[in-house]
Amino acid sequence: MILADSGFWIALGNKRDRHHTVACAAAKRWAGEGFVSTWPVLTEVTHLLTARIGINQALDFMDAIAQGACEVPPPPENALAHAAALMRRYRDLPMDLADASLVILAEELNEGRILSTDLRDFSGYRWKNRQPFVNLLLPDW
């Protein structure tokens, strides 16, 4: 399973996004492994799609997720406390809840491959305190 950040989903669903073409190519390339994300990411994506494009695009996204485009596992029991600790650690970036939830998910799955347009933050975040993320969406940026 490959972690999917908000920027990937937004680029995939917005033809005017500068990363749309690369997101479509990545979705095709990595579909066989499957995608995994978090509730905070879904919340962020639906909010931004609604604000930038419209409610219909947000509904299309939610329908795709409901039909299995991505797994969304429940958070671990200590997720809120762990997210707060991560957000404190990375407060200078700053880290938001969606990003913290992906770091926690990486730790739970022992998986650091991610599809993200957020180059600055995910190049600085570490899962399990030392493991870097590998951005499959923009590997050469």
N, C-alpha and C. Protein backbone atom coordinates (compact mmCIF):
# COMPACT_ATOMS: atom_id res chain seq x y z
N MET A 1 0.83 -1.19 0.00
CA MET A 1 0.00 0.00 0.00
C MET A 1 0.88 1.25 0.00
N ILE A 2 0.49 2.19 -0.80
CA ILE A 2 1.22 3.45 -0.91
C ILE A 2 0.40 4.55 -0.24
N LEU A 3 1.04 5.33 0.61
CA LEU A 3 0.38 6.43 1.29
C LEU A 3 -0.01 7.51 0.28
N ALA A 4 -1.20 8.07 0.44
CA ALA A 4 -1.69 9.11 -0.46
C ALA A 4 -2.05 10.36 0.33
N ASP A 5 -1.35 11.44 0.02
CA ASP A 5 -1.56 12.73 0.68
C ASP A 5 -2.61 13.55 -0.06
N SER A 6 -3.08 14.60 0.57
CA SER A 6 -4.12 15.46 0.00
C SER A 6 -3.76 16.00 -1.38
N GLY A 7 -2.53 16.49 -1.54
CA GLY A 7 -2.13 17.09 -2.81
C GLY A 7 -2.25 16.14 -3.98
N PHE A 8 -1.98 14.86 -3.75
CA PHE A 8 -2.13 13.85 -4.80
C PHE A 8 -3.59 13.76 -5.23
N TRP A 9 -4.49 13.63 -4.25
CA TRP A 9 -5.91 13.49 -4.58
C TRP A 9 -6.46 14.75 -5.25
N ILE A 10 -6.04 15.91 -4.78
CA ILE A 10 -6.52 17.17 -5.37
C ILE A 10 -6.01 17.30 -6.81
N ALA A 11 -4.74 16.99 -7.03
CA ALA A 11 -4.19 17.05 -8.39
C ALA A 11 -4.89 16.06 -9.31
N LEU A 12 -5.21 14.90 -8.79
CA LEU A 12 -5.88 13.88 -9.58
C LEU A 12 -7.27 14.34 -10.00
N GLY A 13 -7.96 15.03 -9.10
CA GLY A 13 -9.34 15.44 -9.36
C GLY A 13 -9.51 16.82 -9.98
N ASN A 14 -8.42 17.54 -10.21
CA ASN A 14 -8.51 18.91 -10.73
C ASN A 14 -7.65 19.03 -11.98
N LYS A 15 -8.28 19.05 -13.13
CA LYS A 15 -7.55 19.12 -14.40
C LYS A 15 -6.73 20.39 -14.55
N ARG A 16 -7.04 21.41 -13.77
CA ARG A 16 -6.28 22.67 -13.84
C ARG A 16 -5.08 22.68 -12.90
N ASP A 17 -4.96 21.68 -12.05
CA ASP A 17 -3.83 21.60 -11.11
C ASP A 17 -2.54 21.34 -11.88
N ARG A 18 -1.46 22.00 -11.50
CA ARG A 18 -0.19 21.86 -12.23
C ARG A 18 0.40 20.45 -12.13
N HIS A 19 -0.06 19.66 -11.17
CA HIS A 19 0.43 18.29 -11.00
C HIS A 19 -0.56 17.24 -11.51
N HIS A 20 -1.61 17.68 -12.22
CA HIS A 20 -2.66 16.75 -12.66
C HIS A 20 -2.10 15.62 -13.53
N THR A 21 -1.30 15.94 -14.52
CA THR A 21 -0.79 14.92 -15.43
C THR A 21 0.08 13.90 -14.71
N VAL A 22 0.97 14.37 -13.85
CA VAL A 22 1.84 13.45 -13.12
C VAL A 22 1.04 12.64 -12.10
N ALA A 23 -0.01 13.21 -11.53
CA ALA A 23 -0.86 12.47 -10.59
C ALA A 23 -1.62 11.36 -11.32
N CYS A 24 -2.14 11.65 -12.50
CA CYS A 24 -2.83 10.61 -13.29
C CYS A 24 -1.88 9.48 -13.65
N ALA A 25 -0.66 9.83 -14.05
CA ALA A 25 0.33 8.79 -14.40
C ALA A 25 0.69 7.95 -13.17
N ALA A 26 0.86 8.60 -12.03
CA ALA A 26 1.19 7.88 -10.80
C ALA A 26 0.05 6.97 -10.37
N ALA A 27 -1.18 7.45 -10.51
CA ALA A 27 -2.34 6.63 -10.13
C ALA A 27 -2.38 5.35 -10.95
N LYS A 28 -2.11 5.47 -12.23
CA LYS A 28 -2.08 4.28 -13.10
C LYS A 28 -0.90 3.38 -12.74
N ARG A 29 0.26 3.98 -12.55
CA ARG A 29 1.47 3.20 -12.29
C ARG A 29 1.38 2.40 -10.98
N TRP A 30 0.84 3.01 -9.94
CA TRP A 30 0.88 2.40 -8.61
C TRP A 30 -0.45 1.77 -8.19
N ALA A 31 -1.45 1.78 -9.05
CA ALA A 31 -2.78 1.25 -8.69
C ALA A 31 -2.72 -0.21 -8.24
N GLY A 32 -1.83 -0.99 -8.83
CA GLY A 32 -1.73 -2.40 -8.48
C GLY A 32 -1.33 -2.65 -7.03
N GLU A 33 -0.62 -1.71 -6.44
CA GLU A 33 -0.23 -1.85 -5.04
C GLU A 33 -1.31 -1.35 -4.10
N GLY A 34 -2.15 -0.49 -4.58
CA GLY A 34 -3.22 0.07 -3.78
C GLY A 34 -2.77 1.31 -3.01
N PHE A 35 -3.75 2.11 -2.63
CA PHE A 35 -3.49 3.35 -1.92
C PHE A 35 -4.14 3.31 -0.55
N VAL A 36 -3.52 4.02 0.39
CA VAL A 36 -4.04 4.09 1.74
C VAL A 36 -3.90 5.53 2.22
N SER A 37 -4.91 5.99 2.97
CA SER A 37 -4.88 7.36 3.47
C SER A 37 -5.61 7.41 4.81
N THR A 38 -5.93 8.62 5.25
CA THR A 38 -6.52 8.80 6.58
C THR A 38 -7.75 9.70 6.51
N TRP A 39 -8.56 9.63 7.57
CA TRP A 39 -9.73 10.50 7.64
C TRP A 39 -9.38 11.98 7.59
N PRO A 40 -8.33 12.44 8.30
CA PRO A 40 -7.99 13.86 8.18
C PRO A 40 -7.63 14.27 6.74
N VAL A 41 -6.97 13.38 6.01
CA VAL A 41 -6.66 13.68 4.60
C VAL A 41 -7.95 13.79 3.80
N LEU A 42 -8.88 12.86 3.99
CA LEU A 42 -10.16 12.91 3.27
C LEU A 42 -10.90 14.20 3.57
N THR A 43 -10.87 14.62 4.83
CA THR A 43 -11.53 15.86 5.22
C THR A 43 -10.91 17.05 4.49
N GLU A 44 -9.58 17.10 4.47
CA GLU A 44 -8.88 18.19 3.80
C GLU A 44 -9.18 18.20 2.30
N VAL A 45 -9.16 17.04 1.68
CA VAL A 45 -9.40 16.95 0.23
C VAL A 45 -10.82 17.39 -0.11
N THR A 46 -11.82 16.89 0.61
CA THR A 46 -13.19 17.28 0.28
C THR A 46 -13.41 18.78 0.50
N HIS A 47 -12.81 19.32 1.53
CA HIS A 47 -12.93 20.77 1.76
C HIS A 47 -12.30 21.55 0.60
N LEU A 48 -11.08 21.18 0.21
CA LEU A 48 -10.39 21.94 -0.83
C LEU A 48 -11.02 21.74 -2.21
N LEU A 49 -11.47 20.53 -2.51
CA LEU A 49 -12.14 20.32 -3.80
C LEU A 49 -13.43 21.13 -3.87
N THR A 50 -14.19 21.15 -2.78
CA THR A 50 -15.43 21.94 -2.75
C THR A 50 -15.13 23.42 -2.94
N ALA A 51 -14.11 23.93 -2.25
CA ALA A 51 -13.77 25.35 -2.32
C ALA A 51 -13.20 25.74 -3.68
N ARG A 52 -12.37 24.88 -4.27
CA ARG A 52 -11.67 25.24 -5.51
C ARG A 52 -12.46 24.89 -6.78
N ILE A 53 -13.22 23.79 -6.74
CA ILE A 53 -13.90 23.33 -7.96
C ILE A 53 -15.41 23.29 -7.77
N GLY A 54 -15.83 22.67 -6.70
CA GLY A 54 -17.27 22.58 -6.43
C GLY A 54 -17.62 21.29 -5.71
N ILE A 55 -18.82 21.26 -5.18
CA ILE A 55 -19.27 20.12 -4.40
C ILE A 55 -19.33 18.84 -5.22
N ASN A 56 -19.64 18.94 -6.52
CA ASN A 56 -19.73 17.73 -7.33
C ASN A 56 -18.40 17.00 -7.41
N GLN A 57 -17.31 17.73 -7.49
CA GLN A 57 -15.99 17.09 -7.54
C GLN A 57 -15.68 16.43 -6.20
N ALA A 58 -16.05 17.08 -5.11
CA ALA A 58 -15.84 16.48 -3.79
C ALA A 58 -16.68 15.21 -3.64
N LEU A 59 -17.90 15.23 -4.14
CA LEU A 59 -18.75 14.04 -4.08
C LEU A 59 -18.20 12.92 -4.95
N ASP A 60 -17.68 13.25 -6.12
CA ASP A 60 -17.06 12.23 -6.98
C ASP A 60 -15.88 11.58 -6.26
N PHE A 61 -15.09 12.40 -5.58
CA PHE A 61 -13.96 11.88 -4.82
C PHE A 61 -14.44 10.93 -3.73
N MET A 62 -15.42 11.34 -2.95
CA MET A 62 -15.92 10.49 -1.87
C MET A 62 -16.53 9.20 -2.42
N ASP A 63 -17.23 9.28 -3.54
CA ASP A 63 -17.78 8.07 -4.15
C ASP A 63 -16.66 7.11 -4.54
N ALA A 64 -15.58 7.63 -5.11
CA ALA A 64 -14.45 6.79 -5.51
C ALA A 64 -13.81 6.12 -4.30
N ILE A 65 -13.65 6.86 -3.22
CA ILE A 65 -13.08 6.28 -2.00
C ILE A 65 -14.02 5.20 -1.46
N ALA A 66 -15.31 5.48 -1.43
CA ALA A 66 -16.29 4.51 -0.92
C ALA A 66 -16.31 3.25 -1.77
N GLN A 67 -15.98 3.37 -3.06
CA GLN A 67 -15.97 2.22 -3.96
C GLN A 67 -14.62 1.49 -3.97
N GLY A 68 -13.69 1.91 -3.11
CA GLY A 68 -12.45 1.17 -2.95
C GLY A 68 -11.22 1.74 -3.60
N ALA A 69 -11.26 2.99 -4.03
CA ALA A 69 -10.07 3.60 -4.64
C ALA A 69 -8.91 3.72 -3.65
N CYS A 70 -9.24 3.66 -2.38
CA CYS A 70 -8.23 3.84 -1.34
C CYS A 70 -8.73 3.21 -0.05
N GLU A 71 -7.83 2.58 0.68
CA GLU A 71 -8.18 2.10 2.01
C GLU A 71 -8.02 3.23 3.01
N VAL A 72 -8.90 3.26 3.99
CA VAL A 72 -8.84 4.25 5.06
C VAL A 72 -9.01 3.50 6.38
N PRO A 73 -7.88 3.03 6.94
CA PRO A 73 -7.98 2.27 8.18
C PRO A 73 -8.32 3.17 9.37
N PRO A 74 -8.90 2.59 10.40
CA PRO A 74 -9.17 3.40 11.60
C PRO A 74 -7.85 3.79 12.26
N PRO A 75 -7.82 4.94 12.89
CA PRO A 75 -6.57 5.35 13.56
C PRO A 75 -6.29 4.48 14.78
N PRO A 76 -5.02 4.35 15.14
CA PRO A 76 -4.71 3.60 16.36
C PRO A 76 -5.25 4.33 17.59
N GLU A 77 -5.34 3.62 18.67
CA GLU A 77 -5.93 4.16 19.90
C GLU A 77 -5.24 5.44 20.38
N ASN A 78 -3.94 5.54 20.23
CA ASN A 78 -3.20 6.70 20.74
C ASN A 78 -2.99 7.78 19.68
N ALA A 79 -3.75 7.75 18.60
CA ALA A 79 -3.50 8.65 17.47
C ALA A 79 -3.54 10.13 17.83
N LEU A 80 -4.49 10.55 18.63
CA LEU A 80 -4.60 11.98 18.96
C LEU A 80 -3.38 12.48 19.73
N ALA A 81 -2.98 11.74 20.74
CA ALA A 81 -1.81 12.14 21.52
C ALA A 81 -0.55 12.10 20.66
N HIS A 82 -0.43 11.07 19.82
CA HIS A 82 0.74 10.96 18.95
C HIS A 82 0.76 12.10 17.93
N ALA A 83 -0.41 12.43 17.37
CA ALA A 83 -0.50 13.55 16.42
C ALA A 83 -0.08 14.86 17.08
N ALA A 84 -0.55 15.09 18.28
CA ALA A 84 -0.18 16.32 18.99
C ALA A 84 1.33 16.37 19.22
N ALA A 85 1.93 15.24 19.59
CA ALA A 85 3.39 15.20 19.81
C ALA A 85 4.14 15.48 18.51
N LEU A 86 3.67 14.90 17.41
CA LEU A 86 4.31 15.15 16.12
C LEU A 86 4.17 16.62 15.71
N MET A 87 2.98 17.18 15.90
CA MET A 87 2.74 18.58 15.54
C MET A 87 3.62 19.51 16.36
N ARG A 88 3.88 19.17 17.62
CA ARG A 88 4.81 19.96 18.44
C ARG A 88 6.23 19.82 17.89
N ARG A 89 6.62 18.62 17.56
CA ARG A 89 7.97 18.37 17.06
C ARG A 89 8.24 19.16 15.77
N TYR A 90 7.25 19.22 14.89
CA TYR A 90 7.41 19.87 13.59
C TYR A 90 6.69 21.22 13.54
N ARG A 91 6.55 21.87 14.67
CA ARG A 91 5.79 23.13 14.72
C ARG A 91 6.39 24.22 13.84
N ASP A 92 7.68 24.16 13.54
CA ASP A 92 8.30 25.20 12.71
C ASP A 92 7.92 25.10 11.24
N LEU A 93 7.41 23.96 10.79
CA LEU A 93 7.04 23.85 9.38
C LEU A 93 5.75 24.61 9.05
N PRO A 94 4.67 24.63 9.70
CA PRO A 94 4.19 23.75 10.75
C PRO A 94 3.52 22.51 10.16
N MET A 95 3.38 21.48 10.98
CA MET A 95 2.69 20.25 10.59
C MET A 95 1.21 20.39 10.93
N ASP A 96 0.35 19.98 9.99
CA ASP A 96 -1.08 19.96 10.28
C ASP A 96 -1.53 18.54 10.64
N LEU A 97 -2.79 18.40 11.00
CA LEU A 97 -3.31 17.11 11.44
C LEU A 97 -3.28 16.07 10.32
N ALA A 98 -3.57 16.48 9.09
CA ALA A 98 -3.55 15.53 7.98
C ALA A 98 -2.14 14.94 7.80
N ASP A 99 -1.13 15.80 7.84
CA ASP A 99 0.25 15.31 7.71
C ASP A 99 0.63 14.42 8.89
N ALA A 100 0.26 14.82 10.11
CA ALA A 100 0.56 14.00 11.28
C ALA A 100 -0.09 12.63 11.15
N SER A 101 -1.31 12.60 10.64
CA SER A 101 -2.01 11.32 10.50
C SER A 101 -1.30 10.41 9.51
N LEU A 102 -0.68 10.98 8.48
CA LEU A 102 0.07 10.17 7.52
C LEU A 102 1.38 9.65 8.11
N VAL A 103 2.03 10.44 8.96
CA VAL A 103 3.23 9.95 9.64
C VAL A 103 2.86 8.78 10.55
N ILE A 104 1.76 8.91 11.26
CA ILE A 104 1.30 7.83 12.14
C ILE A 104 0.96 6.59 11.31
N LEU A 105 0.30 6.78 10.20
CA LEU A 105 -0.06 5.65 9.33
C LEU A 105 1.21 4.97 8.79
N ALA A 106 2.20 5.75 8.41
CA ALA A 106 3.47 5.18 7.94
C ALA A 106 4.09 4.30 9.02
N GLU A 107 4.03 4.77 10.24
CA GLU A 107 4.58 4.00 11.35
C GLU A 107 3.79 2.72 11.58
N GLU A 108 2.47 2.81 11.48
CA GLU A 108 1.62 1.63 11.68
C GLU A 108 1.85 0.57 10.60
N LEU A 109 2.02 1.03 9.36
CA LEU A 109 2.16 0.11 8.23
C LEU A 109 3.61 -0.25 7.92
N ASN A 110 4.54 0.46 8.58
CA ASN A 110 5.96 0.30 8.27
C ASN A 110 6.21 0.58 6.78
N GLU A 111 5.64 1.69 6.32
CA GLU A 111 5.68 2.05 4.90
C GLU A 111 5.92 3.54 4.75
N GLY A 112 6.98 3.94 4.04
CA GLY A 112 7.29 5.35 3.87
C GLY A 112 7.16 5.87 2.46
N ARG A 113 6.62 5.04 1.55
CA ARG A 113 6.40 5.55 0.19
C ARG A 113 5.10 6.34 0.18
N ILE A 114 5.16 7.53 -0.43
CA ILE A 114 4.02 8.43 -0.39
C ILE A 114 3.85 9.12 -1.74
N LEU A 115 2.62 9.46 -2.06
CA LEU A 115 2.29 10.29 -3.21
C LEU A 115 1.87 11.64 -2.65
N SER A 116 2.70 12.66 -2.86
CA SER A 116 2.44 13.97 -2.27
C SER A 116 3.00 15.08 -3.15
N THR A 117 2.30 16.20 -3.17
CA THR A 117 2.82 17.40 -3.82
C THR A 117 3.55 18.29 -2.81
N ASP A 118 3.53 17.89 -1.57
CA ASP A 118 4.12 18.66 -0.47
C ASP A 118 5.60 18.29 -0.31
N LEU A 119 6.44 18.87 -1.12
CA LEU A 119 7.86 18.50 -1.14
C LEU A 119 8.60 18.95 0.11
N ARG A 120 8.35 20.14 0.57
CA ARG A 120 9.08 20.67 1.71
C ARG A 120 8.82 19.84 2.97
N ASP A 121 7.56 19.65 3.29
CA ASP A 121 7.24 18.99 4.54
C ASP A 121 7.61 17.51 4.53
N PHE A 122 7.23 16.79 3.49
CA PHE A 122 7.50 15.35 3.50
C PHE A 122 8.96 15.01 3.23
N SER A 123 9.75 15.99 2.83
CA SER A 123 11.19 15.73 2.77
C SER A 123 11.82 15.93 4.15
N GLY A 124 11.12 16.62 5.04
CA GLY A 124 11.63 16.86 6.39
C GLY A 124 11.08 15.92 7.44
N TYR A 125 9.83 15.47 7.26
CA TYR A 125 9.23 14.57 8.24
C TYR A 125 9.96 13.23 8.26
N ARG A 126 9.95 12.61 9.43
CA ARG A 126 10.50 11.27 9.60
C ARG A 126 9.46 10.39 10.28
N TRP A 127 9.33 9.18 9.83
CA TRP A 127 8.45 8.23 10.51
C TRP A 127 9.34 7.30 11.33
N LYS A 128 8.83 6.89 12.45
CA LYS A 128 9.62 6.16 13.45
C LYS A 128 10.87 6.96 13.82
N ASN A 129 10.74 8.29 13.83
CA ASN A 129 11.76 9.25 14.25
C ASN A 129 12.98 9.35 13.35
N ARG A 130 13.18 8.42 12.43
CA ARG A 130 14.41 8.48 11.64
C ARG A 130 14.23 8.10 10.17
N GLN A 131 13.12 7.47 9.83
CA GLN A 131 12.93 6.98 8.47
C GLN A 131 12.40 8.09 7.56
N PRO A 132 13.08 8.40 6.46
CA PRO A 132 12.57 9.43 5.55
C PRO A 132 11.45 8.88 4.66
N PHE A 133 10.61 9.77 4.19
CA PHE A 133 9.58 9.40 3.22
C PHE A 133 10.21 9.36 1.83
N VAL A 134 9.66 8.53 0.97
CA VAL A 134 10.07 8.46 -0.43
C VAL A 134 8.86 8.91 -1.24
N ASN A 135 8.99 10.07 -1.88
CA ASN A 135 7.88 10.63 -2.64
C ASN A 135 7.87 10.04 -4.05
N LEU A 136 6.90 9.19 -4.32
CA LEU A 136 6.79 8.56 -5.63
C LEU A 136 6.12 9.46 -6.66
N LEU A 137 5.42 10.50 -6.21
CA LEU A 137 4.74 11.39 -7.13
C LEU A 137 5.73 12.35 -7.80
N LEU A 138 6.61 12.93 -7.01
CA LEU A 138 7.57 13.92 -7.51
C LEU A 138 8.99 13.53 -7.08
N PRO A 139 9.49 12.41 -7.58
CA PRO A 139 10.77 11.91 -7.09
C PRO A 139 11.98 12.77 -7.49
N ASP A 140 11.86 13.52 -8.57
CA ASP A 140 13.01 14.28 -9.08
C ASP A 140 12.97 15.76 -8.73
N TRP A 141 12.02 16.19 -7.91
CA TRP A 141 11.87 17.62 -7.62
C TRP A 141 12.71 17.99 -6.43
